[in-house]
Amino acid sequence: MTTKERIVQEALNLFSIKGFKGTSVKNIADEVGIKDSSLYKHFGSKQEIFDTIVLEMKQRMSRLAERMKLPEEEDYVKSAQAYGALSLEDLLALSRNIFLFYLKDDFMSRFWRMANMEQYQNSEVYEIFRQIFMEDSIMYQAELFGEMMNQGIFVKADPVAAAMNFYTPIFFLLSKYNGREDGEEEALKTLDNQVREFYRIYRCQQ
């Protein structure tokens, strides 16, 4: 691991414990084992370190999509066809794998804790979290579900409401079990039940 990568990792760790405002550049440098002046050779400010953390998080999400061979988000027609071809068991397996990534990936887990900590302390930091994990997720799923309704894969309904019905329980489970060493099986059981119920309500009978 390079010094720059260590700075990012140690900064995220401190942010997830002490918060963004509660962590100084000196705190980060001390954890890495370098002087403040050495840190500034890699990053111009604490904000730049945070921006790098956000970029790394988005790249991890992209790599997950590639590994899982998820459809391109920009093409809703093809995405709807791809997801429509999944059986219930396929959908359960896919949902589990994505859920476990966000729950168990150390980088994502620490970012999640940091963002929730900053909710009432740093609106700018929390806004990034809200945009990525709330607004963007709901918007994408609403567009996707709307296209699946148009193609006769899902029953006709309000696509935004459908997206909320699908995503909100998952977001709740991630919030509930993040950082816990126990409860994984309980979370997966609840997730399975949620996916099955969603499938039962919205999937057109074949």
Protein backbone atom coordinates (compact mmCIF):
# COMPACT_ATOMS: atom_id res chain seq x y z
CA MET A 1 0.00 0.00 0.00
CA THR A 2 1.38 3.39 -0.98
CA THR A 3 1.60 6.32 1.43
CA LYS A 4 -1.26 8.03 -0.39
CA GLU A 5 -3.44 4.95 -0.03
CA ARG A 6 -2.58 4.68 3.67
CA ILE A 7 -3.56 8.31 4.16
CA VAL A 8 -6.97 7.63 2.60
CA GLN A 9 -7.52 4.50 4.70
CA GLU A 10 -6.46 6.09 7.99
CA ALA A 11 -8.47 9.23 7.26
CA LEU A 12 -11.62 7.21 6.62
CA ASN A 13 -11.04 5.25 9.81
CA LEU A 14 -10.71 8.45 11.84
CA PHE A 15 -13.68 10.08 10.09
CA SER A 16 -15.83 7.05 10.96
CA ILE A 17 -14.85 7.34 14.63
CA LYS A 18 -14.35 11.05 15.30
CA GLY A 19 -16.25 12.58 12.40
CA PHE A 20 -14.96 14.80 9.62
CA LYS A 21 -14.81 17.98 11.68
CA GLY A 22 -13.41 16.16 14.68
CA THR A 23 -10.42 14.87 12.72
CA SER A 24 -7.46 17.11 11.95
CA VAL A 25 -4.79 16.72 9.30
CA LYS A 26 -2.33 16.15 12.15
CA ASN A 27 -4.47 13.30 13.47
CA ILE A 28 -4.33 11.64 10.06
CA ALA A 29 -0.58 12.20 9.68
CA ASP A 30 0.05 10.74 13.14
CA GLU A 31 -1.91 7.59 12.29
CA VAL A 32 0.02 7.15 9.06
CA GLY A 33 3.30 7.83 10.87
CA ILE A 34 4.37 10.85 8.84
CA LYS A 35 4.71 14.60 9.42
CA ASP A 36 2.00 17.06 8.44
CA SER A 37 4.27 18.50 5.78
CA SER A 38 4.71 15.06 4.22
CA LEU A 39 0.95 14.56 4.05
CA TYR A 40 0.55 17.81 2.15
CA LYS A 41 2.80 16.42 -0.56
CA HIS A 42 -0.03 14.00 -1.37
CA PHE A 43 -3.14 16.04 -0.53
CA GLY A 44 -3.67 19.78 -0.42
CA SER A 45 -6.34 19.65 2.29
CA LYS A 46 -8.54 17.44 4.43
CA GLN A 47 -11.37 18.10 1.96
CA GLU A 48 -9.25 16.70 -0.86
CA ILE A 49 -8.72 13.53 1.15
CA PHE A 50 -12.46 13.26 1.65
CA ASP A 51 -13.11 13.79 -2.07
CA THR A 52 -10.68 10.94 -2.78
CA ILE A 53 -12.59 8.72 -0.36
CA VAL A 54 -15.86 9.47 -2.21
CA LEU A 55 -14.17 8.69 -5.54
CA GLU A 56 -12.84 5.38 -4.19
CA MET A 57 -16.28 4.49 -2.88
CA LYS A 58 -17.86 5.12 -6.31
CA GLN A 59 -15.13 3.04 -7.98
CA ARG A 60 -15.83 0.16 -5.60
CA MET A 61 -19.51 0.37 -6.50
CA SER A 62 -18.61 0.28 -10.20
CA ARG A 63 -16.33 -2.73 -9.73
CA LEU A 64 -19.13 -4.51 -7.87
CA ALA A 65 -21.48 -3.89 -10.81
CA GLU A 66 -18.86 -5.33 -13.18
CA ARG A 67 -18.28 -8.42 -11.01
CA MET A 68 -21.99 -9.04 -10.69
CA LYS A 69 -22.44 -8.34 -14.42
CA LEU A 70 -25.22 -5.88 -13.69
CA PRO A 71 -26.83 -4.19 -16.70
CA GLU A 72 -25.69 -0.72 -17.76
CA GLU A 73 -27.65 1.80 -15.72
CA GLU A 74 -28.05 4.21 -18.63
CA ASP A 75 -30.03 1.74 -20.79
CA TYR A 76 -33.31 1.19 -18.95
CA VAL A 77 -34.84 -0.89 -21.74
CA LYS A 78 -32.06 -3.48 -21.71
CA SER A 79 -31.80 -3.31 -17.92
CA ALA A 80 -35.51 -4.05 -17.58
CA GLN A 81 -35.17 -7.01 -19.94
CA ALA A 82 -32.15 -8.34 -18.04
CA TYR A 83 -33.79 -8.08 -14.62
CA GLY A 84 -37.06 -9.38 -16.05
CA ALA A 85 -35.28 -12.56 -17.14
CA LEU A 86 -34.26 -13.33 -13.55
CA SER A 87 -36.14 -15.98 -11.62
CA LEU A 88 -37.06 -15.36 -8.00
CA GLU A 89 -34.10 -17.49 -6.89
CA ASP A 90 -31.78 -15.50 -9.16
CA LEU A 91 -33.08 -12.25 -7.70
CA LEU A 92 -32.66 -13.53 -4.15
CA ALA A 93 -29.04 -14.53 -4.82
CA LEU A 94 -28.26 -11.21 -6.51
CA SER A 95 -29.87 -9.21 -3.71
CA ARG A 96 -27.93 -11.16 -1.08
CA ASN A 97 -24.59 -10.64 -2.82
CA ILE A 98 -25.08 -6.90 -3.25
CA PHE A 99 -26.38 -6.52 0.31
CA LEU A 100 -23.41 -8.40 1.77
CA PHE A 101 -20.97 -6.24 -0.18
CA TYR A 102 -22.35 -3.05 1.36
CA LEU A 103 -22.61 -4.67 4.77
CA LYS A 104 -19.19 -6.36 4.93
CA ASP A 105 -16.87 -4.33 2.73
CA ASP A 106 -14.74 -2.51 5.31
CA PHE A 107 -14.34 0.65 3.24
CA MET A 108 -18.07 0.94 2.54
CA SER A 109 -18.96 0.12 6.13
CA ARG A 110 -16.73 2.87 7.49
CA PHE A 111 -18.05 5.38 4.98
CA TRP A 112 -21.62 4.48 6.00
CA ARG A 113 -20.79 5.04 9.69
CA MET A 114 -19.05 8.34 8.95
CA ALA A 115 -21.96 9.65 6.89
CA ASN A 116 -24.53 8.78 9.52
CA MET A 117 -22.36 10.43 12.16
CA GLU A 118 -22.14 13.59 10.06
CA GLN A 119 -25.90 13.76 9.51
CA TYR A 120 -26.31 16.41 12.20
CA GLN A 121 -22.80 17.86 12.16
CA ASN A 122 -21.74 18.41 8.58
CA SER A 123 -24.48 18.92 6.02
CA GLU A 124 -22.07 18.93 3.07
CA VAL A 125 -20.66 15.50 3.91
CA TYR A 126 -24.08 14.04 4.64
CA GLU A 127 -25.50 15.52 1.42
CA ILE A 128 -23.06 13.41 -0.62
CA PHE A 129 -24.19 10.29 1.24
CA ARG A 130 -27.86 11.23 0.84
CA GLN A 131 -27.47 11.85 -2.88
CA ILE A 132 -25.69 8.56 -3.59
CA PHE A 133 -27.51 6.19 -1.25
CA MET A 134 -30.97 7.77 -1.24
CA GLU A 135 -31.79 10.09 -4.14
CA ASP A 136 -29.78 8.37 -6.90
CA SER A 137 -30.81 4.87 -5.80
CA ILE A 138 -34.52 5.69 -5.68
CA MET A 139 -34.38 7.61 -8.97
CA TYR A 140 -32.65 4.73 -10.78
CA GLN A 141 -34.99 2.09 -9.41
CA ALA A 142 -38.07 4.19 -10.17
CA GLU A 143 -36.95 4.55 -13.81
CA LEU A 144 -36.10 0.84 -14.00
CA PHE A 145 -39.36 -0.32 -12.44
CA GLY A 146 -41.32 2.07 -14.66
CA GLU A 147 -39.76 0.48 -17.74
CA MET A 148 -40.44 -3.01 -16.36
CA MET A 149 -44.09 -1.98 -16.00
CA ASN A 150 -44.12 -0.70 -19.58
CA GLN A 151 -42.75 -4.05 -20.77
CA GLY A 152 -45.36 -6.01 -18.84
CA ILE A 153 -42.83 -7.52 -16.44
CA PHE A 154 -44.23 -5.69 -13.41
CA VAL A 155 -47.87 -4.85 -12.76
CA LYS A 156 -48.86 -1.25 -13.37
CA ALA A 157 -48.25 0.89 -10.29
CA ASP A 158 -46.52 4.06 -9.17
CA PRO A 159 -42.83 3.43 -10.02
CA VAL A 160 -41.55 5.77 -7.30
CA ALA A 161 -43.68 4.05 -4.68
CA ALA A 162 -42.42 0.67 -5.94
CA ALA A 163 -38.82 1.88 -5.66
CA MET A 164 -39.47 3.09 -2.13
CA ASN A 165 -41.11 -0.23 -1.23
CA PHE A 166 -38.09 -2.14 -2.51
CA TYR A 167 -35.23 0.04 -1.31
CA THR A 168 -36.35 1.43 2.05
CA PRO A 169 -36.30 -1.91 3.93
CA ILE A 170 -32.85 -2.68 2.49
CA PHE A 171 -31.54 0.72 3.56
CA PHE A 172 -32.99 0.07 7.02
CA LEU A 173 -31.23 -3.31 7.25
CA LEU A 174 -27.90 -1.81 6.24
CA SER A 175 -28.29 0.90 8.85
CA LYS A 176 -29.33 -1.60 11.51
CA TYR A 177 -26.57 -4.15 10.97
CA ASN A 178 -23.66 -1.99 9.85
CA GLY A 179 -20.64 -2.49 12.09
CA ARG A 180 -22.19 -5.43 13.96
CA GLU A 181 -20.38 -8.74 14.12
CA ASP A 182 -23.61 -10.62 14.74
CA GLY A 183 -26.96 -10.63 13.02
CA GLU A 184 -25.88 -11.42 9.46
CA GLU A 185 -28.15 -14.45 9.12
CA GLU A 186 -31.03 -12.56 10.69
CA ALA A 187 -30.49 -9.71 8.21
CA LEU A 188 -30.35 -12.08 5.23
CA LYS A 189 -33.52 -13.85 6.33
CA THR A 190 -35.34 -10.51 6.56
CA LEU A 191 -33.89 -9.48 3.20
CA ASP A 192 -35.11 -12.70 1.57
CA ASN A 193 -38.60 -12.17 2.95
CA GLN A 194 -38.62 -8.59 1.67
CA VAL A 195 -37.50 -9.59 -1.84
CA ARG A 196 -40.03 -12.43 -2.00
CA GLU A 197 -42.86 -10.14 -0.92
CA PHE A 198 -41.85 -7.46 -3.42
CA TYR A 199 -41.69 -10.08 -6.18
CA ARG A 200 -45.13 -11.42 -5.22
CA ILE A 201 -46.72 -7.96 -5.29
CA TYR A 202 -45.18 -6.48 -8.43
CA ARG A 203 -44.22 -9.36 -10.72
CA CYS A 204 -46.77 -10.16 -13.40
CA GLN A 205 -47.96 -13.74 -13.37
CA GLN A 206 -46.25 -15.74 -16.08
